[in-house]
Amino acid sequence: MHLLGVRGVRLNLASRGQTPSKAEFSKLLRVYANRIRHLRWALQIYIRLPQVALIAEEIPNLGITVIIDHLGHPYEHIPIFQQDGYAEFMDLLRKKHIYTKLSGIYRFPNLPGLDDFVRQLLFDAPSQVIWASDWPHSGGKELLRNGDRTKHQDYRRVDDSEFVAQCLDWCGKDEELVRKIWVDNPRRLWQFNELGE
């Protein structure tokens, strides 16, 4: 798989609503890290923002690249700066211990302070943010509420061009910043220069 261009694995706890204890979570991360470290693969983690606080101390010790999906997926009705996990998330980004994906904002459309939050991320840690489409926009809350994982689930209707325009606005039309989150950071993270060797 490495020769085909695979450069990471994804651990998804958010979609299943799993909330392991701090000790269980740390152990799980070490298991994944030990399996992929020799390949220099990244571990992409999809969790909710408060769970970042559970793993903040463990991440710098894993010896692998870690990505937190969807800007940490904050809860949408609580001001972002007041949420558990926010301080740890920002600290990990500033210290370059994690990357985050600028993606999936339609998952928390009513988040108070979203614009300020994204601009702060881009200002404080421009080398640690990568843009991602989250295409094909699968799933929604219906499946999680009823617990029936066999039920057919329609894709969400998302205006991707509007999302790109919003991201450009957050970048303040700064061409260097745009290049970082769309080109330079993903190239470094996913080791594009090594592909085909």
N, C-alpha and C. Protein backbone atom coordinates (compact mmCIF):
# COMPACT_ATOMS: atom_id res chain seq x y z
N MET A 1 0.82 -1.20 0.00
CA MET A 1 0.00 0.00 0.00
C MET A 1 0.87 1.26 0.00
N HIS A 2 1.99 1.20 0.68
CA HIS A 2 2.89 2.35 0.70
C HIS A 2 3.38 2.66 -0.71
N LEU A 3 3.71 1.63 -1.47
CA LEU A 3 4.19 1.83 -2.83
C LEU A 3 3.12 2.40 -3.74
N LEU A 4 1.86 2.20 -3.39
CA LEU A 4 0.75 2.74 -4.17
C LEU A 4 0.43 4.18 -3.79
N GLY A 5 1.08 4.69 -2.74
CA GLY A 5 0.88 6.09 -2.36
C GLY A 5 0.15 6.31 -1.06
N VAL A 6 -0.22 5.24 -0.36
CA VAL A 6 -0.89 5.42 0.93
C VAL A 6 0.09 6.04 1.92
N ARG A 7 -0.38 7.04 2.66
CA ARG A 7 0.50 7.73 3.61
C ARG A 7 -0.15 7.94 4.97
N GLY A 8 -1.23 7.23 5.24
CA GLY A 8 -1.83 7.40 6.55
C GLY A 8 -3.03 6.50 6.76
N VAL A 9 -3.48 6.48 8.01
CA VAL A 9 -4.70 5.75 8.38
C VAL A 9 -5.58 6.70 9.19
N ARG A 10 -6.87 6.37 9.25
CA ARG A 10 -7.82 7.25 9.95
C ARG A 10 -8.49 6.47 11.06
N LEU A 11 -8.53 7.09 12.22
CA LEU A 11 -9.20 6.54 13.39
C LEU A 11 -10.44 7.41 13.63
N ASN A 12 -11.64 6.81 13.50
CA ASN A 12 -12.88 7.55 13.58
C ASN A 12 -13.64 7.15 14.84
N LEU A 13 -13.61 8.00 15.85
CA LEU A 13 -14.39 7.77 17.06
C LEU A 13 -15.64 8.64 17.07
N ALA A 14 -15.64 9.75 16.33
CA ALA A 14 -16.76 10.70 16.36
C ALA A 14 -18.02 10.10 15.76
N SER A 15 -17.92 9.43 14.61
CA SER A 15 -19.10 8.91 13.95
C SER A 15 -19.79 7.83 14.76
N ARG A 16 -19.01 7.11 15.55
CA ARG A 16 -19.59 6.05 16.38
C ARG A 16 -19.96 6.54 17.77
N GLY A 17 -19.63 7.80 18.05
CA GLY A 17 -19.94 8.35 19.36
C GLY A 17 -19.16 7.71 20.49
N GLN A 18 -17.96 7.18 20.17
CA GLN A 18 -17.15 6.51 21.18
C GLN A 18 -16.39 7.54 22.04
N THR A 19 -16.36 7.30 23.33
CA THR A 19 -15.64 8.17 24.26
C THR A 19 -14.81 7.32 25.21
N PRO A 20 -13.64 6.88 24.75
CA PRO A 20 -12.78 6.10 25.65
C PRO A 20 -12.22 6.96 26.77
N SER A 21 -11.81 6.30 27.83
CA SER A 21 -11.15 7.03 28.91
C SER A 21 -9.79 7.53 28.43
N LYS A 22 -9.18 8.40 29.21
CA LYS A 22 -7.86 8.92 28.86
C LYS A 22 -6.85 7.79 28.71
N ALA A 23 -6.85 6.84 29.63
CA ALA A 23 -5.92 5.72 29.57
C ALA A 23 -6.19 4.83 28.36
N GLU A 24 -7.47 4.55 28.08
CA GLU A 24 -7.82 3.71 26.93
C GLU A 24 -7.44 4.40 25.62
N PHE A 25 -7.68 5.70 25.56
CA PHE A 25 -7.37 6.46 24.36
C PHE A 25 -5.86 6.48 24.10
N SER A 26 -5.09 6.72 25.14
CA SER A 26 -3.63 6.74 25.01
C SER A 26 -3.11 5.39 24.52
N LYS A 27 -3.65 4.33 25.08
CA LYS A 27 -3.23 2.98 24.68
C LYS A 27 -3.58 2.74 23.21
N LEU A 28 -4.77 3.14 22.81
CA LEU A 28 -5.20 2.97 21.42
C LEU A 28 -4.28 3.73 20.46
N LEU A 29 -3.92 4.95 20.82
CA LEU A 29 -3.03 5.74 19.97
C LEU A 29 -1.65 5.10 19.85
N ARG A 30 -1.16 4.56 20.95
CA ARG A 30 0.16 3.91 20.90
C ARG A 30 0.13 2.67 20.01
N VAL A 31 -0.96 1.93 20.04
CA VAL A 31 -1.10 0.75 19.18
C VAL A 31 -1.03 1.16 17.71
N TYR A 32 -1.79 2.18 17.34
CA TYR A 32 -1.77 2.66 15.95
C TYR A 32 -0.38 3.19 15.59
N ALA A 33 0.19 4.00 16.47
CA ALA A 33 1.49 4.59 16.19
C ALA A 33 2.55 3.52 15.97
N ASN A 34 2.53 2.48 16.78
CA ASN A 34 3.52 1.41 16.64
C ASN A 34 3.38 0.67 15.32
N ARG A 35 2.17 0.61 14.79
CA ARG A 35 1.94 -0.10 13.53
C ARG A 35 2.37 0.70 12.30
N ILE A 36 2.35 2.02 12.39
CA ILE A 36 2.61 2.82 11.19
C ILE A 36 3.90 3.63 11.26
N ARG A 37 4.56 3.67 12.42
CA ARG A 37 5.74 4.52 12.58
C ARG A 37 6.84 4.18 11.57
N HIS A 38 7.09 2.89 11.35
CA HIS A 38 8.19 2.50 10.45
C HIS A 38 7.93 2.92 9.01
N LEU A 39 6.66 3.19 8.67
CA LEU A 39 6.31 3.63 7.32
C LEU A 39 6.29 5.17 7.21
N ARG A 40 6.40 5.84 8.37
CA ARG A 40 6.29 7.29 8.43
C ARG A 40 4.91 7.76 7.96
N TRP A 41 3.90 6.96 8.21
CA TRP A 41 2.52 7.33 7.88
C TRP A 41 1.96 8.26 8.95
N ALA A 42 0.93 8.97 8.57
CA ALA A 42 0.22 9.85 9.50
C ALA A 42 -0.98 9.12 10.09
N LEU A 43 -1.37 9.55 11.28
CA LEU A 43 -2.58 9.06 11.91
C LEU A 43 -3.58 10.21 11.96
N GLN A 44 -4.65 10.06 11.20
CA GLN A 44 -5.70 11.08 11.18
C GLN A 44 -6.79 10.64 12.15
N ILE A 45 -7.15 11.52 13.07
CA ILE A 45 -8.09 11.17 14.13
C ILE A 45 -9.33 12.05 14.02
N TYR A 46 -10.49 11.39 13.93
CA TYR A 46 -11.76 12.11 13.91
C TYR A 46 -12.43 11.95 15.27
N ILE A 47 -12.36 13.02 16.05
CA ILE A 47 -12.94 13.06 17.39
C ILE A 47 -13.64 14.40 17.57
N ARG A 48 -14.27 14.58 18.71
CA ARG A 48 -14.86 15.87 19.06
C ARG A 48 -13.85 16.67 19.87
N LEU A 49 -13.98 17.99 19.83
CA LEU A 49 -12.99 18.87 20.44
C LEU A 49 -12.68 18.53 21.91
N PRO A 50 -13.66 18.23 22.76
CA PRO A 50 -13.31 17.93 24.16
C PRO A 50 -12.38 16.72 24.30
N GLN A 51 -12.43 15.78 23.34
CA GLN A 51 -11.57 14.61 23.43
C GLN A 51 -10.10 14.94 23.16
N VAL A 52 -9.85 16.08 22.52
CA VAL A 52 -8.47 16.49 22.28
C VAL A 52 -7.73 16.64 23.61
N ALA A 53 -8.44 17.13 24.62
CA ALA A 53 -7.82 17.31 25.93
C ALA A 53 -7.34 15.98 26.51
N LEU A 54 -8.02 14.88 26.16
CA LEU A 54 -7.66 13.56 26.68
C LEU A 54 -6.33 13.06 26.11
N ILE A 55 -6.00 13.49 24.90
CA ILE A 55 -4.82 12.94 24.22
C ILE A 55 -3.71 13.95 24.03
N ALA A 56 -3.91 15.18 24.49
CA ALA A 56 -2.93 16.25 24.24
C ALA A 56 -1.55 15.92 24.76
N GLU A 57 -1.47 15.28 25.92
CA GLU A 57 -0.16 14.94 26.49
C GLU A 57 0.49 13.78 25.75
N GLU A 58 -0.31 12.89 25.21
CA GLU A 58 0.20 11.69 24.55
C GLU A 58 0.75 11.98 23.16
N ILE A 59 0.12 12.87 22.43
CA ILE A 59 0.46 13.10 21.02
C ILE A 59 1.95 13.39 20.79
N PRO A 60 2.59 14.30 21.54
CA PRO A 60 4.00 14.59 21.26
C PRO A 60 4.93 13.40 21.47
N ASN A 61 4.47 12.38 22.19
CA ASN A 61 5.31 11.22 22.49
C ASN A 61 5.13 10.06 21.51
N LEU A 62 4.21 10.20 20.55
CA LEU A 62 3.90 9.08 19.66
C LEU A 62 4.97 8.85 18.60
N GLY A 63 5.68 9.91 18.22
CA GLY A 63 6.71 9.75 17.20
C GLY A 63 6.15 9.58 15.80
N ILE A 64 4.93 10.06 15.57
CA ILE A 64 4.30 10.02 14.25
C ILE A 64 3.61 11.36 13.99
N THR A 65 3.22 11.58 12.75
CA THR A 65 2.44 12.75 12.39
C THR A 65 0.98 12.49 12.73
N VAL A 66 0.35 13.45 13.41
CA VAL A 66 -1.05 13.32 13.81
C VAL A 66 -1.86 14.45 13.18
N ILE A 67 -3.02 14.10 12.66
CA ILE A 67 -3.95 15.07 12.07
C ILE A 67 -5.26 14.99 12.83
N ILE A 68 -5.78 16.12 13.26
CA ILE A 68 -7.10 16.16 13.87
C ILE A 68 -8.08 16.66 12.82
N ASP A 69 -9.07 15.83 12.53
CA ASP A 69 -10.01 16.10 11.45
C ASP A 69 -10.97 17.24 11.77
N HIS A 70 -11.44 17.90 10.71
CA HIS A 70 -12.53 18.87 10.75
C HIS A 70 -12.39 19.92 11.86
N LEU A 71 -11.19 20.53 11.94
CA LEU A 71 -10.94 21.60 12.91
C LEU A 71 -11.27 21.18 14.34
N GLY A 72 -11.14 19.89 14.61
CA GLY A 72 -11.43 19.38 15.94
C GLY A 72 -12.90 19.12 16.19
N HIS A 73 -13.74 19.35 15.21
CA HIS A 73 -15.19 19.15 15.28
C HIS A 73 -15.78 19.66 16.60
N PRO A 74 -15.80 20.98 16.77
CA PRO A 74 -16.37 21.56 17.99
C PRO A 74 -17.89 21.38 18.04
N TYR A 75 -18.45 21.49 19.23
CA TYR A 75 -19.90 21.49 19.38
C TYR A 75 -20.43 22.81 18.88
N GLU A 76 -21.55 22.77 18.14
CA GLU A 76 -21.91 23.96 17.36
C GLU A 76 -22.68 25.04 18.11
N HIS A 77 -23.20 24.80 19.28
CA HIS A 77 -23.99 25.83 19.95
C HIS A 77 -23.25 26.48 21.13
N ILE A 78 -21.97 26.14 21.30
CA ILE A 78 -21.17 26.70 22.39
C ILE A 78 -20.05 27.53 21.78
N PRO A 79 -19.85 28.76 22.23
CA PRO A 79 -18.75 29.56 21.66
C PRO A 79 -17.44 28.77 21.70
N ILE A 80 -16.77 28.75 20.58
CA ILE A 80 -15.58 27.90 20.42
C ILE A 80 -14.54 28.16 21.50
N PHE A 81 -14.36 29.41 21.88
CA PHE A 81 -13.32 29.75 22.83
C PHE A 81 -13.65 29.30 24.25
N GLN A 82 -14.88 28.85 24.47
CA GLN A 82 -15.29 28.37 25.78
C GLN A 82 -15.35 26.85 25.86
N GLN A 83 -15.04 26.16 24.77
CA GLN A 83 -15.21 24.71 24.74
C GLN A 83 -14.01 23.98 25.34
N ASP A 84 -14.30 22.89 26.03
CA ASP A 84 -13.24 22.01 26.51
C ASP A 84 -12.44 21.51 25.31
N GLY A 85 -11.14 21.46 25.46
CA GLY A 85 -10.28 20.97 24.39
C GLY A 85 -9.74 22.06 23.49
N TYR A 86 -10.38 23.23 23.51
CA TYR A 86 -9.93 24.33 22.64
C TYR A 86 -8.49 24.74 22.94
N ALA A 87 -8.17 24.96 24.20
CA ALA A 87 -6.83 25.43 24.57
C ALA A 87 -5.78 24.39 24.19
N GLU A 88 -6.07 23.12 24.44
CA GLU A 88 -5.12 22.05 24.10
C GLU A 88 -4.94 21.93 22.59
N PHE A 89 -6.03 22.04 21.86
CA PHE A 89 -5.99 21.97 20.39
C PHE A 89 -5.09 23.07 19.83
N MET A 90 -5.31 24.29 20.29
CA MET A 90 -4.52 25.41 19.79
C MET A 90 -3.05 25.27 20.19
N ASP A 91 -2.79 24.79 21.40
CA ASP A 91 -1.42 24.60 21.85
C ASP A 91 -0.69 23.56 21.00
N LEU A 92 -1.37 22.47 20.68
CA LEU A 92 -0.76 21.43 19.84
C LEU A 92 -0.44 21.96 18.44
N LEU A 93 -1.33 22.78 17.90
CA LEU A 93 -1.09 23.37 16.58
C LEU A 93 0.09 24.34 16.62
N ARG A 94 0.10 25.22 17.60
CA ARG A 94 1.17 26.22 17.69
C ARG A 94 2.54 25.57 17.84
N LYS A 95 2.58 24.45 18.58
CA LYS A 95 3.84 23.74 18.79
C LYS A 95 4.17 22.76 17.67
N LYS A 96 3.32 22.72 16.64
CA LYS A 96 3.50 21.86 15.46
C LYS A 96 3.50 20.38 15.82
N HIS A 97 2.69 20.01 16.82
CA HIS A 97 2.54 18.61 17.18
C HIS A 97 1.43 17.94 16.38
N ILE A 98 0.54 18.74 15.78
CA ILE A 98 -0.55 18.20 14.97
C ILE A 98 -0.76 19.08 13.74
N TYR A 99 -1.46 18.48 12.78
CA TYR A 99 -2.08 19.22 11.67
C TYR A 99 -3.58 19.20 11.94
N THR A 100 -4.30 20.09 11.28
CA THR A 100 -5.76 19.97 11.27
C THR A 100 -6.25 20.23 9.86
N LYS A 101 -7.42 19.66 9.58
CA LYS A 101 -8.02 19.84 8.26
C LYS A 101 -9.08 20.93 8.31
N LEU A 102 -8.95 21.88 7.41
CA LEU A 102 -9.96 22.91 7.21
C LEU A 102 -11.03 22.26 6.33
N SER A 103 -11.97 21.61 6.97
CA SER A 103 -12.96 20.81 6.25
C SER A 103 -14.19 20.59 7.11
N GLY A 104 -15.27 20.16 6.45
CA GLY A 104 -16.46 19.70 7.16
C GLY A 104 -17.15 20.73 8.02
N ILE A 105 -17.04 22.02 7.67
CA ILE A 105 -17.64 23.03 8.54
C ILE A 105 -19.16 22.97 8.51
N TYR A 106 -19.74 22.29 7.51
CA TYR A 106 -21.20 22.13 7.49
C TYR A 106 -21.67 21.19 8.61
N ARG A 107 -20.74 20.55 9.29
CA ARG A 107 -21.09 19.70 10.43
C ARG A 107 -21.37 20.52 11.69
N PHE A 108 -20.93 21.78 11.69
CA PHE A 108 -21.21 22.67 12.83
C PHE A 108 -21.52 24.08 12.32
N PRO A 109 -22.64 24.20 11.57
CA PRO A 109 -22.95 25.47 10.90
C PRO A 109 -23.33 26.61 11.85
N ASN A 110 -23.73 26.27 13.07
CA ASN A 110 -24.17 27.30 14.01
C ASN A 110 -23.14 27.58 15.10
N LEU A 111 -21.89 27.30 14.81
CA LEU A 111 -20.84 27.51 15.80
C LEU A 111 -20.58 29.00 16.01
N PRO A 112 -20.82 29.50 17.21
CA PRO A 112 -20.50 30.92 17.48
C PRO A 112 -18.98 31.14 17.41
N GLY A 113 -18.57 32.15 16.67
CA GLY A 113 -17.16 32.48 16.58
C GLY A 113 -16.38 31.69 15.56
N LEU A 114 -17.07 31.02 14.63
CA LEU A 114 -16.36 30.19 13.63
C LEU A 114 -15.36 31.01 12.83
N ASP A 115 -15.77 32.18 12.34
CA ASP A 115 -14.87 33.00 11.52
C ASP A 115 -13.60 33.38 12.30
N ASP A 116 -13.78 33.82 13.53
CA ASP A 116 -12.63 34.21 14.34
C ASP A 116 -11.73 33.01 14.64
N PHE A 117 -12.35 31.86 14.88
CA PHE A 117 -11.61 30.63 15.16
C PHE A 117 -10.73 30.24 13.98
N VAL A 118 -11.30 30.21 12.79
CA VAL A 118 -10.52 29.80 11.61
C VAL A 118 -9.42 30.80 11.33
N ARG A 119 -9.72 32.07 11.43
CA ARG A 119 -8.68 33.08 11.18
C ARG A 119 -7.55 32.96 12.19
N GLN A 120 -7.90 32.65 13.45
CA GLN A 120 -6.85 32.48 14.45
C GLN A 120 -5.98 31.27 14.11
N LEU A 121 -6.61 30.17 13.70
CA LEU A 121 -5.85 28.99 13.30
C LEU A 121 -4.86 29.33 12.19
N LEU A 122 -5.35 30.03 11.18
CA LEU A 122 -4.52 30.36 10.03
C LEU A 122 -3.41 31.33 10.40
N PHE A 123 -3.66 32.21 11.35
CA PHE A 123 -2.65 33.17 11.78
C PHE A 123 -1.63 32.51 12.70
N ASP A 124 -2.10 31.69 13.65
CA ASP A 124 -1.21 31.09 14.65
C ASP A 124 -0.42 29.89 14.13
N ALA A 125 -1.00 29.13 13.21
CA ALA A 125 -0.36 27.89 12.77
C ALA A 125 -0.55 27.67 11.27
N PRO A 126 -0.10 28.61 10.44
CA PRO A 126 -0.36 28.49 9.00
C PRO A 126 0.28 27.27 8.35
N SER A 127 1.34 26.73 8.95
CA SER A 127 1.99 25.56 8.36
C SER A 127 1.34 24.25 8.79
N GLN A 128 0.32 24.33 9.68
CA GLN A 128 -0.28 23.11 10.23
C GLN A 128 -1.71 22.90 9.79
N VAL A 129 -2.20 23.71 8.87
CA VAL A 129 -3.58 23.61 8.38
C VAL A 129 -3.56 23.19 6.92
N ILE A 130 -4.39 22.20 6.60
CA ILE A 130 -4.55 21.80 5.19
C ILE A 130 -6.03 21.85 4.84
N TRP A 131 -6.30 22.30 3.64
CA TRP A 131 -7.68 22.33 3.16
C TRP A 131 -8.07 20.94 2.70
N ALA A 132 -9.33 20.58 2.94
CA ALA A 132 -9.86 19.31 2.44
C ALA A 132 -11.34 19.49 2.13
N SER A 133 -11.80 18.83 1.09
CA SER A 133 -13.18 19.02 0.64
C SER A 133 -14.19 18.27 1.50
N ASP A 134 -13.78 17.16 2.11
CA ASP A 134 -14.69 16.25 2.80
C ASP A 134 -15.69 15.62 1.84
N TRP A 135 -15.40 15.67 0.56
CA TRP A 135 -16.24 15.06 -0.46
C TRP A 135 -16.18 13.54 -0.33
N PRO A 136 -17.24 12.80 -0.51
CA PRO A 136 -18.54 13.18 -1.08
C PRO A 136 -19.60 13.57 -0.06
N HIS A 137 -19.22 14.11 1.07
CA HIS A 137 -20.16 14.66 2.05
C HIS A 137 -21.15 13.62 2.53
N SER A 138 -20.60 12.55 3.01
CA SER A 138 -21.44 11.45 3.46
C SER A 138 -22.08 11.74 4.80
N GLY A 139 -23.17 11.06 5.02
CA GLY A 139 -23.75 10.96 6.35
C GLY A 139 -24.35 12.20 6.94
N GLY A 140 -25.04 11.94 7.98
CA GLY A 140 -25.68 13.00 8.74
C GLY A 140 -26.03 12.48 10.11
N LYS A 141 -26.71 13.30 10.87
CA LYS A 141 -27.01 12.94 12.25
C LYS A 141 -28.11 11.90 12.36
N GLU A 142 -28.94 11.75 11.33
CA GLU A 142 -30.03 10.79 11.39
C GLU A 142 -29.53 9.39 11.72
N LEU A 143 -28.48 8.98 11.04
CA LEU A 143 -27.95 7.63 11.23
C LEU A 143 -27.46 7.43 12.65
N LEU A 144 -26.85 8.45 13.21
CA LEU A 144 -26.32 8.33 14.56
C LEU A 144 -27.43 8.30 15.60
N ARG A 145 -28.50 9.04 15.34
CA ARG A 145 -29.59 9.10 16.30
C ARG A 145 -30.32 7.76 16.43
N ASN A 146 -30.59 7.13 15.27
CA ASN A 146 -31.38 5.91 15.35
C ASN A 146 -30.52 4.66 15.51
N GLY A 147 -29.22 4.80 15.34
CA GLY A 147 -28.32 3.67 15.59
C GLY A 147 -28.35 2.59 14.52
N ASP A 148 -29.17 2.76 13.49
CA ASP A 148 -29.27 1.74 12.44
C ASP A 148 -28.22 2.01 11.38
N ARG A 149 -27.13 1.27 11.44
CA ARG A 149 -26.03 1.49 10.50
C ARG A 149 -26.28 0.80 9.16
N THR A 150 -27.41 0.10 9.02
CA THR A 150 -27.72 -0.57 7.75
C THR A 150 -28.65 0.29 6.89
N LYS A 151 -29.22 1.33 7.47
CA LYS A 151 -30.16 2.18 6.75
C LYS A 151 -29.44 3.00 5.68
N HIS A 152 -30.07 3.08 4.51
CA HIS A 152 -29.51 3.89 3.43
C HIS A 152 -29.45 5.35 3.87
N GLN A 153 -28.36 5.97 3.56
CA GLN A 153 -28.15 7.35 3.98
C GLN A 153 -27.77 8.19 2.78
N ASP A 154 -28.53 9.24 2.52
CA ASP A 154 -28.23 10.11 1.39
C ASP A 154 -27.00 10.97 1.67
N TYR A 155 -26.31 11.32 0.60
CA TYR A 155 -25.21 12.26 0.74
C TYR A 155 -25.78 13.65 1.01
N ARG A 156 -25.01 14.45 1.72
CA ARG A 156 -25.43 15.82 2.00
C ARG A 156 -25.23 16.67 0.75
N ARG A 157 -26.04 17.67 0.62
CA ARG A 157 -25.89 18.62 -0.49
C ARG A 157 -25.08 19.79 0.02
N VAL A 158 -23.86 19.91 -0.47
CA VAL A 158 -22.93 20.95 -0.01
C VAL A 158 -22.45 21.74 -1.22
N ASP A 159 -22.47 23.04 -1.13
CA ASP A 159 -21.97 23.90 -2.20
C ASP A 159 -20.46 24.05 -2.02
N ASP A 160 -19.70 23.21 -2.71
CA ASP A 160 -18.25 23.21 -2.55
C ASP A 160 -17.62 24.53 -3.00
N SER A 161 -18.17 25.14 -4.05
CA SER A 161 -17.59 26.40 -4.52
C SER A 161 -17.79 27.50 -3.46
N GLU A 162 -18.91 27.45 -2.76
CA GLU A 162 -19.14 28.42 -1.68
C GLU A 162 -18.15 28.20 -0.54
N PHE A 163 -17.85 26.93 -0.25
CA PHE A 163 -16.88 26.62 0.80
C PHE A 163 -15.49 27.12 0.43
N VAL A 164 -15.09 26.91 -0.81
CA VAL A 164 -13.79 27.41 -1.27
C VAL A 164 -13.74 28.93 -1.15
N ALA A 165 -14.81 29.60 -1.56
CA ALA A 165 -14.85 31.07 -1.46
C ALA A 165 -14.73 31.52 -0.01
N GLN A 166 -15.40 30.78 0.90
CA GLN A 166 -15.33 31.12 2.32
C GLN A 166 -13.90 30.96 2.84
N CYS A 167 -13.23 29.90 2.42
CA CYS A 167 -11.84 29.66 2.85
C CYS A 167 -10.91 30.76 2.33
N LEU A 168 -11.12 31.17 1.09
CA LEU A 168 -10.31 32.26 0.54
C LEU A 168 -10.53 33.55 1.33
N ASP A 169 -11.78 33.78 1.73
CA ASP A 169 -12.08 34.96 2.54
C ASP A 169 -11.36 34.88 3.88
N TRP A 170 -11.36 33.70 4.51
CA TRP A 170 -10.65 33.52 5.78
C TRP A 170 -9.15 33.78 5.62
N CYS A 171 -8.64 33.45 4.44
CA CYS A 171 -7.21 33.69 4.17
C CYS A 171 -6.92 35.15 3.86
N GLY A 172 -7.96 35.95 3.74
CA GLY A 172 -7.77 37.36 3.44
C GLY A 172 -7.15 37.59 2.07
N LYS A 173 -7.38 36.65 1.17
CA LYS A 173 -6.81 36.72 -0.19
C LYS A 173 -5.28 36.76 -0.16
N ASP A 174 -4.68 36.31 0.95
CA ASP A 174 -3.22 36.25 1.10
C ASP A 174 -2.71 35.07 0.28
N GLU A 175 -2.05 35.36 -0.84
CA GLU A 175 -1.64 34.31 -1.78
C GLU A 175 -0.66 33.32 -1.16
N GLU A 176 0.21 33.79 -0.29
CA GLU A 176 1.16 32.89 0.36
C GLU A 176 0.43 31.92 1.28
N LEU A 177 -0.54 32.40 2.03
CA LEU A 177 -1.32 31.56 2.92
C LEU A 177 -2.17 30.57 2.12
N VAL A 178 -2.77 31.04 1.06
CA VAL A 178 -3.56 30.16 0.19
C VAL A 178 -2.69 29.03 -0.33
N ARG A 179 -1.49 29.36 -0.78
CA ARG A 179 -0.59 28.33 -1.29
C ARG A 179 -0.21 27.33 -0.20
N LYS A 180 -0.03 27.82 1.02
CA LYS A 180 0.32 26.91 2.11
C LYS A 180 -0.76 25.87 2.35
N ILE A 181 -2.01 26.33 2.54
CA ILE A 181 -3.04 25.37 2.94
C ILE A 181 -3.54 24.50 1.79
N TRP A 182 -3.38 24.97 0.54
CA TRP A 182 -3.84 24.17 -0.59
C TRP A 182 -2.71 23.39 -1.26
N VAL A 183 -1.46 23.84 -1.13
CA VAL A 183 -0.37 23.20 -1.89
C VAL A 183 0.78 22.74 -0.98
N ASP A 184 1.44 23.68 -0.33
CA ASP A 184 2.68 23.35 0.38
C ASP A 184 2.47 22.42 1.57
N ASN A 185 1.50 22.73 2.41
CA ASN A 185 1.27 21.88 3.59
C ASN A 185 0.85 20.46 3.21
N PRO A 186 -0.11 20.29 2.28
CA PRO A 186 -0.46 18.92 1.89
C PRO A 186 0.71 18.18 1.25
N ARG A 187 1.51 18.86 0.46
CA ARG A 187 2.67 18.19 -0.16
C ARG A 187 3.62 17.66 0.91
N ARG A 188 3.88 18.47 1.92
CA ARG A 188 4.77 18.05 2.99
C ARG A 188 4.14 16.92 3.81
N LEU A 189 2.89 17.11 4.18
CA LEU A 189 2.20 16.14 5.02
C LEU A 189 2.10 14.78 4.35
N TRP A 190 1.67 14.77 3.09
CA TRP A 190 1.45 13.49 2.39
C TRP A 190 2.66 13.04 1.58
N GLN A 191 3.81 13.71 1.76
CA GLN A 191 5.07 13.28 1.17
C GLN A 191 4.98 13.14 -0.35
N PHE A 192 4.36 14.14 -0.98
CA PHE A 192 4.18 14.09 -2.42
C PHE A 192 5.49 13.92 -3.17
N ASN A 193 6.55 14.54 -2.66
CA ASN A 193 7.83 14.48 -3.38
C ASN A 193 8.41 13.08 -3.44
N GLU A 194 7.95 12.20 -2.55
CA GLU A 194 8.49 10.84 -2.53
C GLU A 194 7.69 9.88 -3.41
N LEU A 195 6.49 10.28 -3.81
CA LEU A 195 5.67 9.39 -4.61
C LEU A 195 6.32 9.13 -5.96
N GLY A 196 6.27 7.91 -6.37
CA GLY A 196 6.84 7.54 -7.67
C GLY A 196 8.30 7.16 -7.58
N GLU A 197 8.90 7.28 -6.41
CA GLU A 197 10.31 6.92 -6.28
C GLU A 197 10.47 5.42 -6.15
